[in-house]
Amino acid sequence: MTLILDRVNWVLIGFGSAVCLWLLVQLIRNRQASPLVAFAPPRGERLPLELIVLPILVLAVVQSLIAPLLADSRAGADLTDLENPQTQIVLALSQNIATVCALLATYWVGSRYIGESGNTFVLGRKRFTGDLSAGVLGALAALALCQGTLAATQWMIVYFDPQHQFPEHRVINLMISPDQPGWVRPLMWMGAAVITPFAEEFFFRGILQTILFRWVKSRWMAILAASILFGFAHSDQPQVVPAITAFGIVLGVIYERRGSLTGPIIAHAIFNAKTLLWVTLAP
């Protein structure tokens, strides 16, 4: 199974590399006209700046309230012992619940102050088929770009610090652990492949990138700034920050190109689902 997964992964990387090369050729050919000027998303001129932090506050407050309650309800959970399997379940549960709450808060902000309606904030005004194609191609491009960036980053870290130990991802640990209850894996799938793509795209692209463009008046600078913040939001694993930043750039370009959050959400969901699928199938 490992050999099959490796071969399929290389095929996907090959397709993704071809997509990246095609996009680069298009950019060079049309260097006089920005490839982003196609159908700009809503820009949220009415959005009060203080509401940008609302989803972050909701995420932090809900998780800080829910985690102790869940820890009390599960025997053996100790929030001070992060290596404890029961504690990891509690943290994953509380993070999913908090992410759903933050998603709702972000949707409220976006639909009220950015889009003309909730549908406009998420779907834009273009056809879904185009967003679907952009999402699939974006996921392939991100797969090639991110794996290359991650490999280069890890090589550099090991080159300068041969004894460096890379921190592991909590969700992946729960996915591969044989001692977890049967409902843990479906929960991780729901969180990583459904809840997180919606929540992060609503916030980082729908709100943050939109507001950054309003400040800097440059689509590329807004994409870069939002992507860097997106990368550092995953700094619990420092080695992935450059790769996640590159992923954010791909998602940001799709958002600007399509004027819709649907494409970035699809690309994000496919990317996360592929990672979990490989972890699940690997022996």
C-alpha atoms as a PDB file:
ATOM      1  CA  MET A   1       0.000   0.000   0.000  1.00  0.00           C
ATOM      2  CA  THR A   2       2.842   2.409   0.785  1.00  0.00           C
ATOM      3  CA  LEU A   3       4.300   1.907  -2.699  1.00  0.00           C
ATOM      4  CA  ILE A   4       0.917   2.582  -4.312  1.00  0.00           C
ATOM      5  CA  LEU A   5       0.399   5.715  -2.247  1.00  0.00           C
ATOM      6  CA  ASP A   6       3.863   6.977  -3.154  1.00  0.00           C
ATOM      7  CA  ARG A   7       3.237   6.429  -6.861  1.00  0.00           C
ATOM      8  CA  VAL A   8      -0.163   8.094  -6.779  1.00  0.00           C
ATOM      9  CA  ASN A   9       1.354  10.971  -4.840  1.00  0.00           C
ATOM     10  CA  TRP A  10       4.034  11.465  -7.497  1.00  0.00           C
ATOM     11  CA  VAL A  11       1.366  11.410 -10.210  1.00  0.00           C
ATOM     12  CA  LEU A  12      -0.564  14.110  -8.355  1.00  0.00           C
ATOM     13  CA  ILE A  13       2.609  16.141  -7.907  1.00  0.00           C
ATOM     14  CA  GLY A  14       3.260  15.809 -11.640  1.00  0.00           C
ATOM     15  CA  PHE A  15      -0.196  17.101 -12.510  1.00  0.00           C
ATOM     16  CA  GLY A  16       0.183  19.889  -9.955  1.00  0.00           C
ATOM     17  CA  SER A  17       3.563  20.890 -11.359  1.00  0.00           C
ATOM     18  CA  ALA A  18       2.033  21.049 -14.852  1.00  0.00           C
ATOM     19  CA  VAL A  19      -0.710  23.328 -13.519  1.00  0.00           C
ATOM     20  CA  CYS A  20       1.881  25.597 -11.853  1.00  0.00           C
ATOM     21  CA  LEU A  21       3.904  25.747 -15.087  1.00  0.00           C
ATOM     22  CA  TRP A  22       0.804  26.568 -17.126  1.00  0.00           C
ATOM     23  CA  LEU A  23      -0.150  29.360 -14.717  1.00  0.00           C
ATOM     24  CA  LEU A  24       3.400  30.745 -14.865  1.00  0.00           C
ATOM     25  CA  VAL A  25       3.286  30.797 -18.674  1.00  0.00           C
ATOM     26  CA  GLN A  26      -0.059  32.598 -18.564  1.00  0.00           C
ATOM     27  CA  LEU A  27       1.362  35.152 -16.149  1.00  0.00           C
ATOM     28  CA  ILE A  28       4.392  35.829 -18.375  1.00  0.00           C
ATOM     29  CA  ARG A  29       2.278  36.082 -21.517  1.00  0.00           C
ATOM     30  CA  ASN A  30      -0.117  38.531 -19.918  1.00  0.00           C
ATOM     31  CA  ARG A  31       2.425  40.470 -17.877  1.00  0.00           C
ATOM     32  CA  GLN A  32       0.892  43.768 -18.955  1.00  0.00           C
ATOM     33  CA  ALA A  33      -2.437  42.807 -17.403  1.00  0.00           C
ATOM     34  CA  SER A  34      -2.783  41.348 -13.957  1.00  0.00           C
ATOM     35  CA  PRO A  35      -4.235  37.813 -14.072  1.00  0.00           C
ATOM     36  CA  LEU A  36      -6.185  38.712 -10.949  1.00  0.00           C
ATOM     37  CA  VAL A  37      -8.337  41.353 -12.606  1.00  0.00           C
ATOM     38  CA  ALA A  38     -11.158  39.074 -13.653  1.00  0.00           C
ATOM     39  CA  PHE A  39     -13.988  39.391 -11.190  1.00  0.00           C
ATOM     40  CA  ALA A  40     -12.927  41.092  -7.967  1.00  0.00           C
ATOM     41  CA  PRO A  41     -14.646  39.899  -4.790  1.00  0.00           C
ATOM     42  CA  PRO A  42     -16.647  42.249  -2.546  1.00  0.00           C
ATOM     43  CA  ARG A  43     -14.364  44.569  -0.607  1.00  0.00           C
ATOM     44  CA  GLY A  44     -16.200  45.357   2.603  1.00  0.00           C
ATOM     45  CA  GLU A  45     -16.004  49.146   2.664  1.00  0.00           C
ATOM     46  CA  ARG A  46     -18.618  49.110   5.440  1.00  0.00           C
ATOM     47  CA  LEU A  47     -16.765  46.667   7.700  1.00  0.00           C
ATOM     48  CA  PRO A  48     -15.731  48.211  11.057  1.00  0.00           C
ATOM     49  CA  LEU A  49     -12.096  47.299  11.601  1.00  0.00           C
ATOM     50  CA  GLU A  50     -12.665  46.140  15.175  1.00  0.00           C
ATOM     51  CA  LEU A  51     -14.859  43.301  13.882  1.00  0.00           C
ATOM     52  CA  ILE A  52     -11.839  41.693  12.220  1.00  0.00           C
ATOM     53  CA  VAL A  53     -10.779  40.298  15.596  1.00  0.00           C
ATOM     54  CA  LEU A  54     -14.262  39.021  16.517  1.00  0.00           C
ATOM     55  CA  PRO A  55     -13.778  35.498  15.045  1.00  0.00           C
ATOM     56  CA  ILE A  56     -10.357  35.218  16.741  1.00  0.00           C
ATOM     57  CA  LEU A  57     -11.851  36.204  20.102  1.00  0.00           C
ATOM     58  CA  VAL A  58     -14.723  33.755  19.649  1.00  0.00           C
ATOM     59  CA  LEU A  59     -12.272  30.957  18.829  1.00  0.00           C
ATOM     60  CA  ALA A  60     -10.063  31.667  21.845  1.00  0.00           C
ATOM     61  CA  VAL A  61     -12.871  32.222  24.350  1.00  0.00           C
ATOM     62  CA  VAL A  62     -14.979  29.223  23.341  1.00  0.00           C
ATOM     63  CA  GLN A  63     -11.998  26.876  23.347  1.00  0.00           C
ATOM     64  CA  SER A  64     -10.832  28.129  26.739  1.00  0.00           C
ATOM     65  CA  LEU A  65     -14.319  27.531  28.154  1.00  0.00           C
ATOM     66  CA  ILE A  66     -15.081  24.215  26.485  1.00  0.00           C
ATOM     67  CA  ALA A  67     -11.751  22.457  27.036  1.00  0.00           C
ATOM     68  CA  PRO A  68     -11.940  22.380  30.883  1.00  0.00           C
ATOM     69  CA  LEU A  69     -15.556  21.176  30.750  1.00  0.00           C
ATOM     70  CA  LEU A  70     -14.676  18.335  28.402  1.00  0.00           C
ATOM     71  CA  ALA A  71     -11.590  17.488  30.466  1.00  0.00           C
ATOM     72  CA  ASP A  72     -13.763  17.142  33.576  1.00  0.00           C
ATOM     73  CA  SER A  73     -16.156  14.831  31.713  1.00  0.00           C
ATOM     74  CA  ARG A  74     -13.438  12.476  30.403  1.00  0.00           C
ATOM     75  CA  ALA A  75     -11.574  10.315  32.859  1.00  0.00           C
ATOM     76  CA  GLY A  76      -7.826  10.606  32.591  1.00  0.00           C
ATOM     77  CA  ALA A  77      -7.777  13.900  30.713  1.00  0.00           C
ATOM     78  CA  ASP A  78      -5.299  16.429  32.080  1.00  0.00           C
ATOM     79  CA  LEU A  79      -4.916  19.719  30.205  1.00  0.00           C
ATOM     80  CA  THR A  80      -1.413  20.152  31.593  1.00  0.00           C
ATOM     81  CA  ASP A  81      -0.283  16.866  29.996  1.00  0.00           C
ATOM     82  CA  LEU A  82      -0.367  17.428  26.251  1.00  0.00           C
ATOM     83  CA  GLU A  83       1.026  13.945  25.525  1.00  0.00           C
ATOM     84  CA  ASN A  84      -1.930  12.281  27.233  1.00  0.00           C
ATOM     85  CA  PRO A  85      -4.182  10.601  24.589  1.00  0.00           C
ATOM     86  CA  GLN A  86      -7.331  11.610  26.480  1.00  0.00           C
ATOM     87  CA  THR A  87      -6.113  15.199  26.640  1.00  0.00           C
ATOM     88  CA  GLN A  88      -5.502  15.188  22.891  1.00  0.00           C
ATOM     89  CA  ILE A  89      -9.090  14.068  22.295  1.00  0.00           C
ATOM     90  CA  VAL A  90     -10.371  16.837  24.552  1.00  0.00           C
ATOM     91  CA  LEU A  91      -8.284  19.456  22.772  1.00  0.00           C
ATOM     92  CA  ALA A  92      -9.397  18.224  19.351  1.00  0.00           C
ATOM     93  CA  LEU A  93     -13.060  18.252  20.399  1.00  0.00           C
ATOM     94  CA  SER A  94     -12.841  21.715  21.918  1.00  0.00           C
ATOM     95  CA  GLN A  95     -10.980  23.036  18.875  1.00  0.00           C
ATOM     96  CA  ASN A  96     -13.658  21.720  16.511  1.00  0.00           C
ATOM     97  CA  ILE A  97     -16.441  23.250  18.595  1.00  0.00           C
ATOM     98  CA  ALA A  98     -14.602  26.566  18.843  1.00  0.00           C
ATOM     99  CA  THR A  99     -13.892  26.528  15.102  1.00  0.00           C
ATOM    100  CA  VAL A 100     -17.588  26.068  14.331  1.00  0.00           C
ATOM    101  CA  CYS A 101     -18.400  29.048  16.561  1.00  0.00           C
ATOM    102  CA  ALA A 102     -15.689  31.136  14.896  1.00  0.00           C
ATOM    103  CA  LEU A 103     -17.018  30.069  11.479  1.00  0.00           C
ATOM    104  CA  LEU A 104     -20.487  31.338  12.388  1.00  0.00           C
ATOM    105  CA  ALA A 105     -19.046  34.606  13.678  1.00  0.00           C
ATOM    106  CA  THR A 106     -17.005  35.060  10.500  1.00  0.00           C
ATOM    107  CA  TYR A 107     -20.012  34.318   8.319  1.00  0.00           C
ATOM    108  CA  TRP A 108     -22.068  36.881  10.210  1.00  0.00           C
ATOM    109  CA  VAL A 109     -19.393  39.545   9.749  1.00  0.00           C
ATOM    110  CA  GLY A 110     -18.903  38.750   6.071  1.00  0.00           C
ATOM    111  CA  SER A 111     -22.556  38.460   5.115  1.00  0.00           C
ATOM    112  CA  ARG A 112     -23.469  41.628   7.008  1.00  0.00           C
ATOM    113  CA  TYR A 113     -20.594  43.928   6.046  1.00  0.00           C
ATOM    114  CA  ILE A 114     -18.856  42.492   2.964  1.00  0.00           C
ATOM    115  CA  GLY A 115     -21.232  40.666   0.635  1.00  0.00           C
ATOM    116  CA  GLU A 116     -24.593  42.010  -0.433  1.00  0.00           C
ATOM    117  CA  SER A 117     -26.001  38.889   1.192  1.00  0.00           C
ATOM    118  CA  GLY A 118     -24.721  35.707   2.737  1.00  0.00           C
ATOM    119  CA  ASN A 119     -24.754  34.015  -0.673  1.00  0.00           C
ATOM    120  CA  THR A 120     -22.758  36.836  -2.264  1.00  0.00           C
ATOM    121  CA  PHE A 121     -20.095  36.661   0.449  1.00  0.00           C
ATOM    122  CA  VAL A 122     -19.521  32.937  -0.135  1.00  0.00           C
ATOM    123  CA  LEU A 123     -20.576  32.220  -3.717  1.00  0.00           C
ATOM    124  CA  GLY A 124     -19.878  35.490  -5.498  1.00  0.00           C
ATOM    125  CA  ARG A 125     -21.679  35.912  -8.807  1.00  0.00           C
ATOM    126  CA  LYS A 126     -19.953  33.391 -11.080  1.00  0.00           C
ATOM    127  CA  ARG A 127     -21.004  29.857 -11.972  1.00  0.00           C
ATOM    128  CA  PHE A 128     -20.240  27.052  -9.550  1.00  0.00           C
ATOM    129  CA  THR A 129     -18.695  24.874 -12.282  1.00  0.00           C
ATOM    130  CA  GLY A 130     -15.909  27.408 -12.791  1.00  0.00           C
ATOM    131  CA  ASP A 131     -15.292  27.603  -9.046  1.00  0.00           C
ATOM    132  CA  LEU A 132     -15.171  23.802  -8.881  1.00  0.00           C
ATOM    133  CA  SER A 133     -12.582  23.620 -11.673  1.00  0.00           C
ATOM    134  CA  ALA A 134     -10.513  26.361 -10.038  1.00  0.00           C
ATOM    135  CA  GLY A 135     -10.660  24.542  -6.720  1.00  0.00           C
ATOM    136  CA  VAL A 136      -9.524  21.198  -8.147  1.00  0.00           C
ATOM    137  CA  LEU A 137      -6.699  22.740 -10.198  1.00  0.00           C
ATOM    138  CA  GLY A 138      -5.707  24.892  -7.222  1.00  0.00           C
ATOM    139  CA  ALA A 139      -5.526  21.831  -4.969  1.00  0.00           C
ATOM    140  CA  LEU A 140      -3.235  20.067  -7.473  1.00  0.00           C
ATOM    141  CA  ALA A 141      -1.005  23.132  -7.799  1.00  0.00           C
ATOM    142  CA  ALA A 142      -0.879  23.517  -4.009  1.00  0.00           C
ATOM    143  CA  LEU A 143       0.024  19.852  -3.567  1.00  0.00           C
ATOM    144  CA  ALA A 144       3.099  20.182  -5.756  1.00  0.00           C
ATOM    145  CA  LEU A 145       4.088  23.601  -4.438  1.00  0.00           C
ATOM    146  CA  CYS A 146       3.611  22.794  -0.763  1.00  0.00           C
ATOM    147  CA  GLN A 147       5.348  19.428  -0.806  1.00  0.00           C
ATOM    148  CA  GLY A 148       8.329  20.957  -2.560  1.00  0.00           C
ATOM    149  CA  THR A 149       8.437  23.874  -0.124  1.00  0.00           C
ATOM    150  CA  LEU A 150       8.079  21.581   2.891  1.00  0.00           C
ATOM    151  CA  ALA A 151      10.865  19.280   1.692  1.00  0.00           C
ATOM    152  CA  ALA A 152      13.192  22.240   1.117  1.00  0.00           C
ATOM    153  CA  THR A 153      12.351  23.738   4.517  1.00  0.00           C
ATOM    154  CA  GLN A 154      12.957  20.494   6.378  1.00  0.00           C
ATOM    155  CA  TRP A 155      16.236  19.947   4.509  1.00  0.00           C
ATOM    156  CA  MET A 156      17.468  23.399   5.518  1.00  0.00           C
ATOM    157  CA  ILE A 157      16.488  22.901   9.156  1.00  0.00           C
ATOM    158  CA  VAL A 158      18.225  19.521   9.337  1.00  0.00           C
ATOM    159  CA  TYR A 159      21.273  20.914   7.534  1.00  0.00           C
ATOM    160  CA  PHE A 160      21.793  23.537  10.241  1.00  0.00           C
ATOM    161  CA  ASP A 161      20.488  21.400  13.130  1.00  0.00           C
ATOM    162  CA  PRO A 162      20.952  17.656  12.442  1.00  0.00           C
ATOM    163  CA  GLN A 163      19.408  16.741  15.813  1.00  0.00           C
ATOM    164  CA  HIS A 164      16.251  18.764  15.289  1.00  0.00           C
ATOM    165  CA  GLN A 165      12.999  16.981  16.152  1.00  0.00           C
ATOM    166  CA  PHE A 166       9.999  18.108  14.139  1.00  0.00           C
ATOM    167  CA  PRO A 167       6.811  18.496  16.222  1.00  0.00           C
ATOM    168  CA  GLU A 168       3.960  16.242  15.155  1.00  0.00           C
ATOM    169  CA  HIS A 169       0.454  17.335  14.237  1.00  0.00           C
ATOM    170  CA  ARG A 170      -2.165  16.596  16.898  1.00  0.00           C
ATOM    171  CA  VAL A 171      -4.820  15.527  14.380  1.00  0.00           C
ATOM    172  CA  ILE A 172      -2.467  13.143  12.600  1.00  0.00           C
ATOM    173  CA  ASN A 173      -1.433  11.637  15.921  1.00  0.00           C
ATOM    174  CA  LEU A 174      -5.081  10.951  16.723  1.00  0.00           C
ATOM    175  CA  MET A 175      -5.682   9.508  13.255  1.00  0.00           C
ATOM    176  CA  ILE A 176      -2.857   6.963  13.498  1.00  0.00           C
ATOM    177  CA  SER A 177      -3.255   6.062  17.160  1.00  0.00           C
ATOM    178  CA  PRO A 178      -4.699   2.533  17.570  1.00  0.00           C
ATOM    179  CA  ASP A 179      -5.933   3.289  21.093  1.00  0.00           C
ATOM    180  CA  GLN A 180      -8.515   5.938  20.194  1.00  0.00           C
ATOM    181  CA  PRO A 181     -12.285   5.309  20.176  1.00  0.00           C
ATOM    182  CA  GLY A 182     -13.900   4.580  16.819  1.00  0.00           C
ATOM    183  CA  TRP A 183     -15.624   7.977  16.632  1.00  0.00           C
ATOM    184  CA  VAL A 184     -12.359   9.929  16.778  1.00  0.00           C
ATOM    185  CA  ARG A 185     -11.373   9.435  13.123  1.00  0.00           C
ATOM    186  CA  PRO A 186     -14.720  10.595  11.678  1.00  0.00           C
ATOM    187  CA  LEU A 187     -14.523  13.609  13.971  1.00  0.00           C
ATOM    188  CA  MET A 188     -11.025  14.448  12.706  1.00  0.00           C
ATOM    189  CA  TRP A 189     -12.210  14.065   9.117  1.00  0.00           C
ATOM    190  CA  MET A 190     -15.138  16.391   9.733  1.00  0.00           C
ATOM    191  CA  GLY A 191     -12.925  18.971  11.415  1.00  0.00           C
ATOM    192  CA  ALA A 192     -10.038  18.961   8.934  1.00  0.00           C
ATOM    193  CA  ALA A 193     -11.864  18.390   5.638  1.00  0.00           C
ATOM    194  CA  VAL A 194     -15.099  20.320   6.238  1.00  0.00           C
ATOM    195  CA  ILE A 195     -15.136  22.696   9.203  1.00  0.00           C
ATOM    196  CA  THR A 196     -11.581  24.051   8.937  1.00  0.00           C
ATOM    197  CA  PRO A 197     -11.673  24.858   5.178  1.00  0.00           C
ATOM    198  CA  PHE A 198     -14.882  26.850   5.590  1.00  0.00           C
ATOM    199  CA  ALA A 199     -13.738  28.655   8.734  1.00  0.00           C
ATOM    200  CA  GLU A 200     -10.229  29.532   7.522  1.00  0.00           C
ATOM    201  CA  GLU A 201     -11.342  30.621   4.053  1.00  0.00           C
ATOM    202  CA  PHE A 202     -14.147  32.754   5.472  1.00  0.00           C
ATOM    203  CA  PHE A 203     -11.622  34.526   7.684  1.00  0.00           C
ATOM    204  CA  PHE A 204      -8.273  34.616   5.862  1.00  0.00           C
ATOM    205  CA  ARG A 205      -9.580  35.190   2.352  1.00  0.00           C
ATOM    206  CA  GLY A 206     -13.110  36.472   2.834  1.00  0.00           C
ATOM    207  CA  ILE A 207     -12.360  39.015   5.549  1.00  0.00           C
ATOM    208  CA  LEU A 208      -8.618  39.450   6.101  1.00  0.00           C
ATOM    209  CA  GLN A 209      -7.480  39.525   2.468  1.00  0.00           C
ATOM    210  CA  THR A 210     -10.416  41.756   1.613  1.00  0.00           C
ATOM    211  CA  ILE A 211      -9.539  44.274   4.312  1.00  0.00           C
ATOM    212  CA  LEU A 212      -5.818  44.158   3.507  1.00  0.00           C
ATOM    213  CA  PHE A 213      -6.569  45.068  -0.096  1.00  0.00           C
ATOM    214  CA  ARG A 214      -8.604  48.015   1.157  1.00  0.00           C
ATOM    215  CA  TRP A 215      -5.526  49.198   3.061  1.00  0.00           C
ATOM    216  CA  VAL A 216      -2.686  48.523   0.619  1.00  0.00           C
ATOM    217  CA  LYS A 217      -4.598  48.898  -2.715  1.00  0.00           C
ATOM    218  CA  SER A 218      -2.687  45.978  -4.216  1.00  0.00           C
ATOM    219  CA  ARG A 219      -4.126  42.525  -4.818  1.00  0.00           C
ATOM    220  CA  TRP A 220      -0.710  40.830  -4.764  1.00  0.00           C
ATOM    221  CA  MET A 221       0.334  42.518  -1.509  1.00  0.00           C
ATOM    222  CA  ALA A 222      -3.008  41.634   0.084  1.00  0.00           C
ATOM    223  CA  ILE A 223      -2.601  38.006  -0.991  1.00  0.00           C
ATOM    224  CA  LEU A 224       0.972  37.857   0.324  1.00  0.00           C
ATOM    225  CA  ALA A 225       0.171  39.488   3.666  1.00  0.00           C
ATOM    226  CA  ALA A 226      -2.897  37.309   4.282  1.00  0.00           C
ATOM    227  CA  SER A 227      -0.923  34.209   3.291  1.00  0.00           C
ATOM    228  CA  ILE A 228       1.935  35.001   5.681  1.00  0.00           C
ATOM    229  CA  LEU A 229      -0.552  35.407   8.527  1.00  0.00           C
ATOM    230  CA  PHE A 230      -2.224  32.180   7.401  1.00  0.00           C
ATOM    231  CA  GLY A 231       1.133  30.421   7.562  1.00  0.00           C
ATOM    232  CA  PHE A 232       1.982  31.698  11.028  1.00  0.00           C
ATOM    233  CA  ALA A 233      -1.461  30.636  12.256  1.00  0.00           C
ATOM    234  CA  HIS A 234      -0.073  27.090  11.852  1.00  0.00           C
ATOM    235  CA  SER A 235       3.163  27.808  13.735  1.00  0.00           C
ATOM    236  CA  ASP A 236       2.571  24.951  16.187  1.00  0.00           C
ATOM    237  CA  GLN A 237       4.581  23.115  13.518  1.00  0.00           C
ATOM    238  CA  PRO A 238       7.186  25.726  12.502  1.00  0.00           C
ATOM    239  CA  GLN A 239       8.544  23.608   9.653  1.00  0.00           C
ATOM    240  CA  VAL A 240       5.228  23.879   7.754  1.00  0.00           C
ATOM    241  CA  VAL A 241       4.895  27.682   7.928  1.00  0.00           C
ATOM    242  CA  PRO A 242       6.581  28.361   4.533  1.00  0.00           C
ATOM    243  CA  ALA A 243       4.554  25.591   2.853  1.00  0.00           C
ATOM    244  CA  ILE A 244       1.274  26.811   4.362  1.00  0.00           C
ATOM    245  CA  THR A 245       2.157  30.354   3.286  1.00  0.00           C
ATOM    246  CA  ALA A 246       2.609  29.067  -0.270  1.00  0.00           C
ATOM    247  CA  PHE A 247      -0.742  27.285   0.050  1.00  0.00           C
ATOM    248  CA  GLY A 248      -2.319  30.558   1.160  1.00  0.00           C
ATOM    249  CA  ILE A 249      -0.979  32.311  -1.940  1.00  0.00           C
ATOM    250  CA  VAL A 250      -2.653  29.706  -4.166  1.00  0.00           C
ATOM    251  CA  LEU A 251      -5.928  30.093  -2.274  1.00  0.00           C
ATOM    252  CA  GLY A 252      -5.677  33.891  -2.386  1.00  0.00           C
ATOM    253  CA  VAL A 253      -5.121  33.906  -6.146  1.00  0.00           C
ATOM    254  CA  ILE A 254      -8.177  31.680  -6.662  1.00  0.00           C
ATOM    255  CA  TYR A 255     -10.247  34.055  -4.539  1.00  0.00           C
ATOM    256  CA  GLU A 256      -9.142  37.109  -6.478  1.00  0.00           C
ATOM    257  CA  ARG A 257      -9.453  35.356  -9.819  1.00  0.00           C
ATOM    258  CA  ARG A 258     -12.944  33.998  -9.220  1.00  0.00           C
ATOM    259  CA  GLY A 259     -14.353  36.601  -6.859  1.00  0.00           C
ATOM    260  CA  SER A 260     -15.779  33.775  -4.767  1.00  0.00           C
ATOM    261  CA  LEU A 261     -14.856  31.788  -1.666  1.00  0.00           C
ATOM    262  CA  THR A 262     -16.182  28.573  -3.194  1.00  0.00           C
ATOM    263  CA  GLY A 263     -12.997  27.794  -5.136  1.00  0.00           C
ATOM    264  CA  PRO A 264     -10.625  28.303  -2.181  1.00  0.00           C
ATOM    265  CA  ILE A 265     -12.894  26.234   0.082  1.00  0.00           C
ATOM    266  CA  ILE A 266     -12.915  23.352  -2.424  1.00  0.00           C
ATOM    267  CA  ALA A 267      -9.129  23.518  -2.889  1.00  0.00           C
ATOM    268  CA  HIS A 268      -8.583  23.654   0.888  1.00  0.00           C
ATOM    269  CA  ALA A 269     -10.941  20.727   1.525  1.00  0.00           C
ATOM    270  CA  ILE A 270      -9.321  18.561  -1.178  1.00  0.00           C
ATOM    271  CA  PHE A 271      -5.827  19.359   0.110  1.00  0.00           C
ATOM    272  CA  ASN A 272      -6.707  18.477   3.722  1.00  0.00           C
ATOM    273  CA  ALA A 273      -8.700  15.386   2.714  1.00  0.00           C
ATOM    274  CA  LYS A 274      -5.791  14.078   0.633  1.00  0.00           C
ATOM    275  CA  THR A 275      -3.456  14.445   3.625  1.00  0.00           C
ATOM    276  CA  LEU A 276      -5.849  12.586   5.949  1.00  0.00           C
ATOM    277  CA  LEU A 277      -6.543   9.887   3.349  1.00  0.00           C
ATOM    278  CA  TRP A 278      -2.826   9.140   2.966  1.00  0.00           C
ATOM    279  CA  VAL A 279      -2.444   9.014   6.766  1.00  0.00           C
ATOM    280  CA  THR A 280      -5.447   6.676   7.055  1.00  0.00           C
ATOM    281  CA  LEU A 281      -4.346   4.298   4.288  1.00  0.00           C
ATOM    282  CA  ALA A 282      -0.668   4.148   5.217  1.00  0.00           C
ATOM    283  CA  PRO A 283       0.192   0.999   7.179  1.00  0.00           C
END
